[in-house]
C-alpha cells in the first residue's frame, strides 16, 4: 500500500475508535441515568468492563441435621428461629445477674 493510503486508513481508524468510545460512554450514561439504583448500575458497568462474571446463585441449600433445605422461605424461617432462640438463651442466662449502669 502507498503511504497516503496508510495515512488515510490510520486517520479513519482513529475516528472510528473515538465514535465507538463516545457511543459506549453515552450508552453507559443513559443506563445509569435511567436506573433506579444508580450506584448498582455503575458497579455493574465497571464489573462488566473488568470482565467479572455476574453469576448470581440465589439458591441456598442448608443442611440442618440430616435434612437439606433449599426452599427460600424455610431457610429464612430457620435463620429467624436460630437467632430468636439464641437471644432467648442469652436473656435467660443474664436474667440472674443484674447489671447497673452508672452515668
PDB file of N, CA and C in Angstrom:
ATOM      1  N   UNK A   1       0.845  -1.184   0.000  1.00  0.00           N
ATOM      2  CA  UNK A   1       0.000   0.000   0.000  1.00  0.00           C
ATOM      3  C   UNK A   1       0.880   1.233   0.000  1.00  0.00           C
ATOM      4  N   UNK A   2       0.306   2.257  -0.521  1.00  0.00           N
ATOM      5  CA  UNK A   2       1.035   3.508  -0.580  1.00  0.00           C
ATOM      6  C   UNK A   2       0.947   4.219   0.756  1.00  0.00           C
ATOM      7  N   UNK A   3       1.843   5.169   0.953  1.00  0.00           N
ATOM      8  CA  UNK A   3       1.912   5.915   2.207  1.00  0.00           C
ATOM      9  C   UNK A   3       0.616   6.691   2.453  1.00  0.00           C
ATOM     10  N   UNK A   4       0.057   7.289   1.391  1.00  0.00           N
ATOM     11  CA  UNK A   4      -1.184   8.062   1.539  1.00  0.00           C
ATOM     12  C   UNK A   4      -2.345   7.163   1.953  1.00  0.00           C
ATOM     13  N   UNK A   5      -2.387   5.968   1.410  1.00  0.00           N
ATOM     14  CA  UNK A   5      -3.450   5.036   1.760  1.00  0.00           C
ATOM     15  C   UNK A   5      -3.346   4.618   3.230  1.00  0.00           C
ATOM     16  N   UNK A   6      -2.131   4.368   3.697  1.00  0.00           N
ATOM     17  CA  UNK A   6      -1.939   4.007   5.097  1.00  0.00           C
ATOM     18  C   UNK A   6      -2.329   5.156   6.029  1.00  0.00           C
ATOM     19  N   UNK A   7      -1.976   6.372   5.678  1.00  0.00           N
ATOM     20  CA  UNK A   7      -2.357   7.533   6.483  1.00  0.00           C
ATOM     21  C   UNK A   7      -3.875   7.691   6.528  1.00  0.00           C
ATOM     22  N   UNK A   8      -4.512   7.482   5.386  1.00  0.00           N
ATOM     23  CA  UNK A   8      -5.975   7.560   5.292  1.00  0.00           C
ATOM     24  C   UNK A   8      -6.615   6.512   6.215  1.00  0.00           C
ATOM     25  N   UNK A   9      -6.126   5.281   6.168  1.00  0.00           N
ATOM     26  CA  UNK A   9      -6.660   4.206   6.997  1.00  0.00           C
ATOM     27  C   UNK A   9      -6.462   4.511   8.478  1.00  0.00           C
ATOM     28  N   UNK A  10      -5.278   4.974   8.847  1.00  0.00           N
ATOM     29  CA  UNK A  10      -4.991   5.287  10.248  1.00  0.00           C
ATOM     30  C   UNK A  10      -5.865   6.431  10.758  1.00  0.00           C
ATOM     31  N   UNK A  11      -6.058   7.440   9.912  1.00  0.00           N
ATOM     32  CA  UNK A  11      -6.873   8.590  10.291  1.00  0.00           C
ATOM     33  C   UNK A  11      -8.315   8.156  10.574  1.00  0.00           C
ATOM     34  N   UNK A  12      -8.904   7.375   9.689  1.00  0.00           N
ATOM     35  CA  UNK A  12     -10.283   6.954   9.860  1.00  0.00           C
ATOM     36  C   UNK A  12     -10.437   5.869  10.926  1.00  0.00           C
ATOM     37  N   UNK A  13      -9.373   5.129  11.166  1.00  0.00           N
ATOM     38  CA  UNK A  13      -9.393   4.166  12.268  1.00  0.00           C
ATOM     39  C   UNK A  13      -9.500   4.911  13.598  1.00  0.00           C
ATOM     40  N   UNK A  14      -8.739   5.980  13.748  1.00  0.00           N
ATOM     41  CA  UNK A  14      -8.810   6.795  14.968  1.00  0.00           C
ATOM     42  C   UNK A  14     -10.196   7.412  15.140  1.00  0.00           C
ATOM     43  N   UNK A  15     -10.764   7.894  14.057  1.00  0.00           N
ATOM     44  CA  UNK A  15     -12.114   8.477  14.111  1.00  0.00           C
ATOM     45  C   UNK A  15     -13.119   7.396  14.523  1.00  0.00           C
ATOM     46  N   UNK A  16     -12.995   6.231  13.938  1.00  0.00           N
ATOM     47  CA  UNK A  16     -13.900   5.120  14.257  1.00  0.00           C
ATOM     48  C   UNK A  16     -13.802   4.754  15.746  1.00  0.00           C
ATOM     49  N   UNK A  17     -12.599   4.658  16.262  1.00  0.00           N
ATOM     50  CA  UNK A  17     -12.395   4.323  17.675  1.00  0.00           C
ATOM     51  C   UNK A  17     -13.022   5.387  18.572  1.00  0.00           C
ATOM     52  N   UNK A  18     -12.850   6.658  18.250  1.00  0.00           N
ATOM     53  CA  UNK A  18     -13.451   7.735  19.054  1.00  0.00           C
ATOM     54  C   UNK A  18     -14.979   7.665  19.026  1.00  0.00           C
ATOM     55  N   UNK A  19     -15.543   7.364  17.853  1.00  0.00           N
ATOM     56  CA  UNK A  19     -17.002   7.257  17.735  1.00  0.00           C
ATOM     57  C   UNK A  19     -17.517   6.100  18.595  1.00  0.00           C
ATOM     58  N   UNK A  20     -16.831   4.964  18.558  1.00  0.00           N
ATOM     59  CA  UNK A  20     -17.226   3.809  19.366  1.00  0.00           C
ATOM     60  C   UNK A  20     -17.131   4.151  20.856  1.00  0.00           C
ATOM     61  N   UNK A  21     -16.054   4.804  21.276  1.00  0.00           N
ATOM     62  CA  UNK A  21     -15.882   5.176  22.684  1.00  0.00           C
ATOM     63  C   UNK A  21     -16.980   6.131  23.145  1.00  0.00           C
ATOM     64  N   UNK A  22     -17.308   7.104  22.301  1.00  0.00           N
ATOM     65  CA  UNK A  22     -18.355   8.066  22.671  1.00  0.00           C
ATOM     66  C   UNK A  22     -19.727   7.380  22.754  1.00  0.00           C
ATOM     67  N   UNK A  23     -20.003   6.472  21.837  1.00  0.00           N
ATOM     68  CA  UNK A  23     -21.267   5.736  21.873  1.00  0.00           C
ATOM     69  C   UNK A  23     -21.351   4.894  23.146  1.00  0.00           C
ATOM     70  N   UNK A  24     -20.243   4.296  23.526  1.00  0.00           N
ATOM     71  CA  UNK A  24     -20.199   3.495  24.744  1.00  0.00           C
ATOM     72  C   UNK A  24     -20.430   4.375  25.972  1.00  0.00           C
ATOM     73  N   UNK A  25     -19.772   5.537  26.013  1.00  0.00           N
ATOM     74  CA  UNK A  25     -19.965   6.483  27.129  1.00  0.00           C
ATOM     75  C   UNK A  25     -21.420   6.905  27.245  1.00  0.00           C
ATOM     76  N   UNK A  26     -22.018   7.229  26.120  1.00  0.00           N
ATOM     77  CA  UNK A  26     -23.425   7.665  26.134  1.00  0.00           C
ATOM     78  C   UNK A  26     -24.351   6.531  26.569  1.00  0.00           C
ATOM     79  N   UNK A  27     -24.088   5.345  26.074  1.00  0.00           N
ATOM     80  CA  UNK A  27     -24.900   4.194  26.461  1.00  0.00           C
ATOM     81  C   UNK A  27     -24.805   3.925  27.958  1.00  0.00           C
ATOM     82  N   UNK A  28     -23.587   3.968  28.489  1.00  0.00           N
ATOM     83  CA  UNK A  28     -23.403   3.757  29.930  1.00  0.00           C
ATOM     84  C   UNK A  28     -24.059   4.869  30.740  1.00  0.00           C
ATOM     85  N   UNK A  29     -23.923   6.086  30.273  1.00  0.00           N
ATOM     86  CA  UNK A  29     -24.528   7.228  30.965  1.00  0.00           C
ATOM     87  C   UNK A  29     -26.049   7.106  30.986  1.00  0.00           C
ATOM     88  N   UNK A  30     -26.641   6.735  29.855  1.00  0.00           N
ATOM     89  CA  UNK A  30     -28.094   6.540  29.788  1.00  0.00           C
ATOM     90  C   UNK A  30     -28.542   5.398  30.694  1.00  0.00           C
ATOM     91  N   UNK A  31     -27.756   4.331  30.726  1.00  0.00           N
ATOM     92  CA  UNK A  31     -28.093   3.185  31.576  1.00  0.00           C
ATOM     93  C   UNK A  31     -28.106   3.604  33.048  1.00  0.00           C
ATOM     94  N   UNK A  32     -27.097   4.348  33.468  1.00  0.00           N
ATOM     95  CA  UNK A  32     -27.020   4.796  34.861  1.00  0.00           C
ATOM     96  C   UNK A  32     -28.126   5.798  35.161  1.00  0.00           C
ATOM     97  N   UNK A  33     -28.356   6.739  34.259  1.00  0.00           N
ATOM     98  CA  UNK A  33     -29.377   7.774  34.478  1.00  0.00           C
ATOM     99  C   UNK A  33     -30.777   7.189  34.605  1.00  0.00           C
ATOM    100  N   UNK A  34     -31.058   6.156  33.828  1.00  0.00           N
ATOM    101  CA  UNK A  34     -32.406   5.587  33.846  1.00  0.00           C
ATOM    102  C   UNK A  34     -32.590   4.512  34.918  1.00  0.00           C
ATOM    103  N   UNK A  35     -31.529   4.188  35.624  1.00  0.00           N
ATOM    104  CA  UNK A  35     -31.600   3.152  36.644  1.00  0.00           C
ATOM    105  C   UNK A  35     -32.162   3.692  37.951  1.00  0.00           C
ATOM    106  N   UNK A  36     -32.894   2.838  38.675  1.00  0.00           N
ATOM    107  CA  UNK A  36     -33.403   3.228  39.994  1.00  0.00           C
ATOM    108  C   UNK A  36     -32.267   3.277  41.006  1.00  0.00           C
ATOM    109  N   UNK A  37     -31.346   2.333  40.914  1.00  0.00           N
ATOM    110  CA  UNK A  37     -30.202   2.273  41.818  1.00  0.00           C
ATOM    111  C   UNK A  37     -28.949   2.619  41.007  1.00  0.00           C
ATOM    112  N   UNK A  38     -28.605   3.892  40.993  1.00  0.00           N
ATOM    113  CA  UNK A  38     -27.512   4.380  40.150  1.00  0.00           C
ATOM    114  C   UNK A  38     -26.152   3.806  40.548  1.00  0.00           C
ATOM    115  N   UNK A  39     -25.946   3.640  41.827  1.00  0.00           N
ATOM    116  CA  UNK A  39     -24.684   3.076  42.306  1.00  0.00           C
ATOM    117  C   UNK A  39     -24.513   1.640  41.825  1.00  0.00           C
ATOM    118  N   UNK A  40     -25.560   0.868  41.929  1.00  0.00           N
ATOM    119  CA  UNK A  40     -25.513  -0.526  41.486  1.00  0.00           C
ATOM    120  C   UNK A  40     -25.277  -0.599  39.977  1.00  0.00           C
ATOM    121  N   UNK A  41     -25.940   0.276  39.239  1.00  0.00           N
ATOM    122  CA  UNK A  41     -25.777   0.288  37.783  1.00  0.00           C
ATOM    123  C   UNK A  41     -24.336   0.627  37.408  1.00  0.00           C
ATOM    124  N   UNK A  42     -23.751   1.596  38.112  1.00  0.00           N
ATOM    125  CA  UNK A  42     -22.366   1.973  37.838  1.00  0.00           C
ATOM    126  C   UNK A  42     -21.426   0.802  38.107  1.00  0.00           C
ATOM    127  N   UNK A  43     -21.644   0.097  39.213  1.00  0.00           N
ATOM    128  CA  UNK A  43     -20.790  -1.045  39.534  1.00  0.00           C
ATOM    129  C   UNK A  43     -20.997  -2.189  38.552  1.00  0.00           C
ATOM    130  N   UNK A  44     -22.186  -2.342  38.042  1.00  0.00           N
ATOM    131  CA  UNK A  44     -22.414  -3.377  37.029  1.00  0.00           C
ATOM    132  C   UNK A  44     -21.587  -3.080  35.775  1.00  0.00           C
ATOM    133  N   UNK A  45     -21.554  -1.813  35.394  1.00  0.00           N
ATOM    134  CA  UNK A  45     -20.767  -1.423  34.214  1.00  0.00           C
ATOM    135  C   UNK A  45     -19.285  -1.647  34.476  1.00  0.00           C
ATOM    136  N   UNK A  46     -18.823  -1.244  35.650  1.00  0.00           N
ATOM    137  CA  UNK A  46     -17.408  -1.421  35.993  1.00  0.00           C
ATOM    138  C   UNK A  46     -17.029  -2.892  35.961  1.00  0.00           C
ATOM    139  N   UNK A  47     -17.839  -3.727  36.599  1.00  0.00           N
ATOM    140  CA  UNK A  47     -17.539  -5.167  36.627  1.00  0.00           C
ATOM    141  C   UNK A  47     -17.586  -5.782  35.237  1.00  0.00           C
ATOM    142  N   UNK A  48     -18.509  -5.297  34.405  1.00  0.00           N
ATOM    143  CA  UNK A  48     -18.584  -5.795  33.031  1.00  0.00           C
ATOM    144  C   UNK A  48     -17.302  -5.444  32.275  1.00  0.00           C
ATOM    145  N   UNK A  49     -16.821  -4.223  32.453  1.00  0.00           N
ATOM    146  CA  UNK A  49     -15.594  -3.792  31.782  1.00  0.00           C
ATOM    147  C   UNK A  49     -14.369  -4.555  32.286  1.00  0.00           C
ATOM    148  N   UNK A  50     -14.380  -4.916  33.563  1.00  0.00           N
ATOM    149  CA  UNK A  50     -13.263  -5.665  34.134  1.00  0.00           C
ATOM    150  C   UNK A  50     -13.334  -7.152  33.804  1.00  0.00           C
ATOM    151  N   UNK A  51     -14.477  -7.560  33.226  1.00  0.00           N
ATOM    152  CA  UNK A  51     -14.625  -8.952  32.823  1.00  0.00           C
ATOM    153  C   UNK A  51     -15.071  -9.865  33.943  1.00  0.00           C
ATOM    154  N   UNK A  52     -15.587  -9.290  35.014  1.00  0.00           N
ATOM    155  CA  UNK A  52     -16.070 -10.119  36.119  1.00  0.00           C
ATOM    156  C   UNK A  52     -17.435 -10.676  35.747  1.00  0.00           C
ATOM    157  N   UNK A  53     -17.642 -11.927  36.096  1.00  0.00           N
ATOM    158  CA  UNK A  53     -18.903 -12.562  35.739  1.00  0.00           C
ATOM    159  C   UNK A  53     -19.995 -12.183  36.725  1.00  0.00           C
ATOM    160  N   UNK A  54     -21.213 -12.332  36.293  1.00  0.00           N
ATOM    161  CA  UNK A  54     -22.369 -11.989  37.105  1.00  0.00           C
ATOM    162  C   UNK A  54     -23.114 -13.245  37.539  1.00  0.00           C
ATOM    163  N   UNK A  55     -22.370 -14.267  37.897  1.00  0.00           N
ATOM    164  CA  UNK A  55     -23.026 -15.489  38.351  1.00  0.00           C
ATOM    165  C   UNK A  55     -23.680 -15.181  39.688  1.00  0.00           C
ATOM    166  N   UNK A  56     -24.962 -15.298  39.687  1.00  0.00           N
ATOM    167  CA  UNK A  56     -25.728 -14.939  40.866  1.00  0.00           C
ATOM    168  C   UNK A  56     -26.559 -16.142  41.282  1.00  0.00           C
ATOM    169  N   UNK A  57     -25.997 -16.944  42.145  1.00  0.00           N
ATOM    170  CA  UNK A  57     -26.684 -18.148  42.576  1.00  0.00           C
ATOM    171  C   UNK A  57     -27.489 -17.825  43.820  1.00  0.00           C
ATOM    172  N   UNK A  58     -28.785 -17.663  43.656  1.00  0.00           N
ATOM    173  CA  UNK A  58     -29.648 -17.304  44.770  1.00  0.00           C
ATOM    174  C   UNK A  58     -30.243 -18.533  45.443  1.00  0.00           C
ATOM    175  N   UNK A  59     -29.913 -19.701  44.952  1.00  0.00           N
ATOM    176  CA  UNK A  59     -30.431 -20.929  45.545  1.00  0.00           C
ATOM    177  C   UNK A  59     -29.510 -21.355  46.679  1.00  0.00           C
ATOM    178  N   UNK A  60     -29.965 -21.135  47.898  1.00  0.00           N
ATOM    179  CA  UNK A  60     -29.193 -21.501  49.072  1.00  0.00           C
ATOM    180  C   UNK A  60     -29.684 -22.849  49.557  1.00  0.00           C
ATOM    181  N   UNK A  61     -28.742 -23.713  49.862  1.00  0.00           N
ATOM    182  CA  UNK A  61     -29.108 -25.015  50.396  1.00  0.00           C
ATOM    183  C   UNK A  61     -28.438 -25.170  51.753  1.00  0.00           C
ATOM    184  N   UNK A  62     -29.245 -25.436  52.772  1.00  0.00           N
ATOM    185  CA  UNK A  62     -28.736 -25.618  54.123  1.00  0.00           C
ATOM    186  C   UNK A  62     -28.862 -27.070  54.532  1.00  0.00           C
ATOM    187  N   UNK A  63     -27.924 -27.492  55.324  1.00  0.00           N
ATOM    188  CA  UNK A  63     -28.016 -28.812  55.933  1.00  0.00           C
ATOM    189  C   UNK A  63     -28.367 -28.597  57.389  1.00  0.00           C
ATOM    190  N   UNK A  64     -29.504 -29.076  57.775  1.00  0.00           N
ATOM    191  CA  UNK A  64     -29.998 -28.918  59.141  1.00  0.00           C
ATOM    192  C   UNK A  64     -30.186 -30.327  59.689  1.00  0.00           C
ATOM    193  N   UNK A  65     -29.209 -30.773  60.440  1.00  0.00           N
ATOM    194  CA  UNK A  65     -29.212 -32.164  60.865  1.00  0.00           C
ATOM    195  C   UNK A  65     -28.944 -33.043  59.663  1.00  0.00           C
ATOM    196  N   UNK A  66     -29.871 -33.946  59.381  1.00  0.00           N
ATOM    197  CA  UNK A  66     -29.726 -34.816  58.206  1.00  0.00           C
ATOM    198  C   UNK A  66     -30.518 -34.304  57.014  1.00  0.00           C
ATOM    199  N   UNK A  67     -31.218 -33.202  57.207  1.00  0.00           N
ATOM    200  CA  UNK A  67     -32.067 -32.654  56.145  1.00  0.00           C
ATOM    201  C   UNK A  67     -31.344 -31.599  55.325  1.00  0.00           C
ATOM    202  N   UNK A  68     -31.682 -31.553  54.047  1.00  0.00           N
ATOM    203  CA  UNK A  68     -31.206 -30.482  53.175  1.00  0.00           C
ATOM    204  C   UNK A  68     -32.396 -29.583  52.875  1.00  0.00           C
ATOM    205  N   UNK A  69     -32.223 -28.299  53.120  1.00  0.00           N
ATOM    206  CA  UNK A  69     -33.322 -27.355  52.919  1.00  0.00           C
ATOM    207  C   UNK A  69     -32.905 -26.367  51.836  1.00  0.00           C
ATOM    208  N   UNK A  70     -33.716 -26.287  50.789  1.00  0.00           N
ATOM    209  CA  UNK A  70     -33.407 -25.369  49.691  1.00  0.00           C
ATOM    210  C   UNK A  70     -34.527 -24.363  49.441  1.00  0.00           C
ATOM    211  N   UNK A  71     -35.652 -24.531  50.121  1.00  0.00           N
ATOM    212  CA  UNK A  71     -36.768 -23.595  49.981  1.00  0.00           C
ATOM    213  C   UNK A  71     -36.384 -22.269  50.647  1.00  0.00           C
ATOM    214  N   UNK A  72     -36.432 -21.142  49.920  1.00  0.00           N
ATOM    215  CA  UNK A  72     -36.025 -19.860  50.499  1.00  0.00           C
ATOM    216  C   UNK A  72     -36.813 -19.484  51.753  1.00  0.00           C
ATOM    217  N   UNK A  73     -38.101 -19.737  51.765  1.00  0.00           N
ATOM    218  CA  UNK A  73     -38.919 -19.395  52.940  1.00  0.00           C
ATOM    219  C   UNK A  73     -38.504 -20.240  54.151  1.00  0.00           C
ATOM    220  N   UNK A  74     -38.297 -21.534  53.927  1.00  0.00           N
ATOM    221  CA  UNK A  74     -37.876 -22.413  55.020  1.00  0.00           C
ATOM    222  C   UNK A  74     -36.497 -22.017  55.534  1.00  0.00           C
ATOM    223  N   UNK A  75     -35.605 -21.623  54.628  1.00  0.00           N
ATOM    224  CA  UNK A  75     -34.278 -21.164  55.020  1.00  0.00           C
ATOM    225  C   UNK A  75     -34.379 -19.920  55.887  1.00  0.00           C
ATOM    226  N   UNK A  76     -35.190 -18.973  55.467  1.00  0.00           N
ATOM    227  CA  UNK A  76     -35.366 -17.743  56.243  1.00  0.00           C
ATOM    228  C   UNK A  76     -35.951 -18.038  57.618  1.00  0.00           C
ATOM    229  N   UNK A  77     -36.919 -18.946  57.671  1.00  0.00           N
ATOM    230  CA  UNK A  77     -37.526 -19.307  58.953  1.00  0.00           C
ATOM    231  C   UNK A  77     -36.520 -19.985  59.874  1.00  0.00           C
ATOM    232  N   UNK A  78     -35.627 -20.811  59.309  1.00  0.00           N
ATOM    233  CA  UNK A  78     -34.588 -21.441  60.124  1.00  0.00           C
ATOM    234  C   UNK A  78     -33.633 -20.415  60.715  1.00  0.00           C
ATOM    235  N   UNK A  79     -33.196 -19.485  59.878  1.00  0.00           N
ATOM    236  CA  UNK A  79     -32.324 -18.425  60.383  1.00  0.00           C
ATOM    237  C   UNK A  79     -33.024 -17.630  61.475  1.00  0.00           C
ATOM    238  N   UNK A  80     -34.269 -17.281  61.240  1.00  0.00           N
ATOM    239  CA  UNK A  80     -35.029 -16.498  62.204  1.00  0.00           C
ATOM    240  C   UNK A  80     -35.148 -17.248  63.534  1.00  0.00           C
ATOM    241  N   UNK A  81     -35.540 -18.503  63.470  1.00  0.00           N
ATOM    242  CA  UNK A  81     -35.712 -19.252  64.719  1.00  0.00           C
ATOM    243  C   UNK A  81     -34.375 -19.438  65.437  1.00  0.00           C
ATOM    244  N   UNK A  82     -33.304 -19.640  64.695  1.00  0.00           N
ATOM    245  CA  UNK A  82     -31.987 -19.787  65.316  1.00  0.00           C
ATOM    246  C   UNK A  82     -31.617 -18.527  66.095  1.00  0.00           C
ATOM    247  N   UNK A  83     -31.772 -17.365  65.472  1.00  0.00           N
ATOM    248  CA  UNK A  83     -31.381 -16.129  66.140  1.00  0.00           C
ATOM    249  C   UNK A  83     -32.320 -15.783  67.295  1.00  0.00           C
ATOM    250  N   UNK A  84     -33.599 -16.068  67.161  1.00  0.00           N
ATOM    251  CA  UNK A  84     -34.540 -15.819  68.252  1.00  0.00           C
ATOM    252  C   UNK A  84     -34.192 -16.710  69.448  1.00  0.00           C
ATOM    253  N   UNK A  85     -33.923 -17.987  69.180  1.00  0.00           N
ATOM    254  CA  UNK A  85     -33.557 -18.903  70.262  1.00  0.00           C
ATOM    255  C   UNK A  85     -32.254 -18.478  70.927  1.00  0.00           C
ATOM    256  N   UNK A  86     -31.297 -18.013  70.138  1.00  0.00           N
ATOM    257  CA  UNK A  86     -30.022 -17.558  70.703  1.00  0.00           C
ATOM    258  C   UNK A  86     -30.237 -16.375  71.631  1.00  0.00           C
ATOM    259  N   UNK A  87     -31.052 -15.427  71.238  1.00  0.00           N
ATOM    260  CA  UNK A  87     -31.339 -14.259  72.081  1.00  0.00           C
ATOM    261  C   UNK A  87     -32.077 -14.692  73.345  1.00  0.00           C
ATOM    262  N   UNK A  88     -33.025 -15.622  73.213  1.00  0.00           N
ATOM    263  CA  UNK A  88     -33.754 -16.109  74.389  1.00  0.00           C
ATOM    264  C   UNK A  88     -32.802 -16.784  75.376  1.00  0.00           C
ATOM    265  N   UNK A  89     -31.866 -17.573  74.872  1.00  0.00           N
ATOM    266  CA  UNK A  89     -30.888 -18.221  75.752  1.00  0.00           C
ATOM    267  C   UNK A  89     -30.022 -17.183  76.456  1.00  0.00           C
ATOM    268  N   UNK A  90     -29.590 -16.174  75.723  1.00  0.00           N
ATOM    269  CA  UNK A  90     -28.751 -15.133  76.321  1.00  0.00           C
ATOM    270  C   UNK A  90     -29.505 -14.352  77.389  1.00  0.00           C
ATOM    271  N   UNK A  91     -30.760 -14.054  77.123  1.00  0.00           N
ATOM    272  CA  UNK A  91     -31.533 -13.302  78.121  1.00  0.00           C
ATOM    273  C   UNK A  91     -31.826 -14.167  79.335  1.00  0.00           C
ATOM    274  N   UNK A  92     -32.040 -15.464  79.135  1.00  0.00           N
ATOM    275  CA  UNK A  92     -32.252 -16.367  80.275  1.00  0.00           C
ATOM    276  C   UNK A  92     -30.994 -16.458  81.130  1.00  0.00           C
ATOM    277  N   UNK A  93     -29.844 -16.505  80.502  1.00  0.00           N
ATOM    278  CA  UNK A  93     -28.588 -16.594  81.232  1.00  0.00           C
ATOM    279  C   UNK A  93     -28.296 -15.321  82.006  1.00  0.00           C
ATOM    280  N   UNK A  94     -28.619 -14.191  81.421  1.00  0.00           N
ATOM    281  CA  UNK A  94     -28.297 -12.923  82.074  1.00  0.00           C
ATOM    282  C   UNK A  94     -29.399 -12.457  83.022  1.00  0.00           C
ATOM    283  N   UNK A  95     -30.541 -13.148  83.077  1.00  0.00           N
ATOM    284  CA  UNK A  95     -31.632 -12.707  83.951  1.00  0.00           C
ATOM    285  C   UNK A  95     -31.263 -12.865  85.422  1.00  0.00           C
ATOM    286  N   UNK A  96     -30.346 -13.762  85.744  1.00  0.00           N
ATOM    287  CA  UNK A  96     -29.924 -13.950  87.119  1.00  0.00           C
ATOM    288  C   UNK A  96     -28.950 -12.886  87.585  1.00  0.00           C
ATOM    289  N   UNK A  97     -28.297 -12.244  86.678  1.00  0.00           N
ATOM    290  CA  UNK A  97     -27.333 -11.202  87.057  1.00  0.00           C
ATOM    291  C   UNK A  97     -27.924  -9.839  86.766  1.00  0.00           C
ATOM    292  N   UNK A  98     -27.666  -8.914  87.650  1.00  0.00           N
ATOM    293  CA  UNK A  98     -28.168  -7.549  87.478  1.00  0.00           C
ATOM    294  C   UNK A  98     -26.986  -6.653  87.190  1.00  0.00           C
ATOM    295  N   UNK A  99     -27.105  -5.948  86.129  1.00  0.00           N
ATOM    296  CA  UNK A  99     -26.043  -5.030  85.749  1.00  0.00           C
ATOM    297  C   UNK A  99     -26.540  -3.616  85.970  1.00  0.00           C
ATOM    298  N   UNK A 100     -25.741  -2.822  86.677  1.00  0.00           N
ATOM    299  CA  UNK A 100     -26.117  -1.437  86.890  1.00  0.00           C
ATOM    300  C   UNK A 100     -25.201  -0.560  86.056  1.00  0.00           C
ATOM    301  N   UNK A 101     -25.811   0.411  85.445  1.00  0.00           N
ATOM    302  CA  UNK A 101     -25.041   1.371  84.678  1.00  0.00           C
ATOM    303  C   UNK A 101     -25.011   2.675  85.434  1.00  0.00           C
ATOM    304  N   UNK A 102     -23.829   3.167  85.670  1.00  0.00           N
ATOM    305  CA  UNK A 102     -23.679   4.436  86.393  1.00  0.00           C
ATOM    306  C   UNK A 102     -23.306   5.498  85.369  1.00  0.00           C
ATOM    307  N   UNK A 103     -24.055   6.569  85.429  1.00  0.00           N
ATOM    308  CA  UNK A 103     -23.789   7.656  84.480  1.00  0.00           C
ATOM    309  C   UNK A 103     -23.096   8.783  85.196  1.00  0.00           C
TER     310      UNK A 103
END
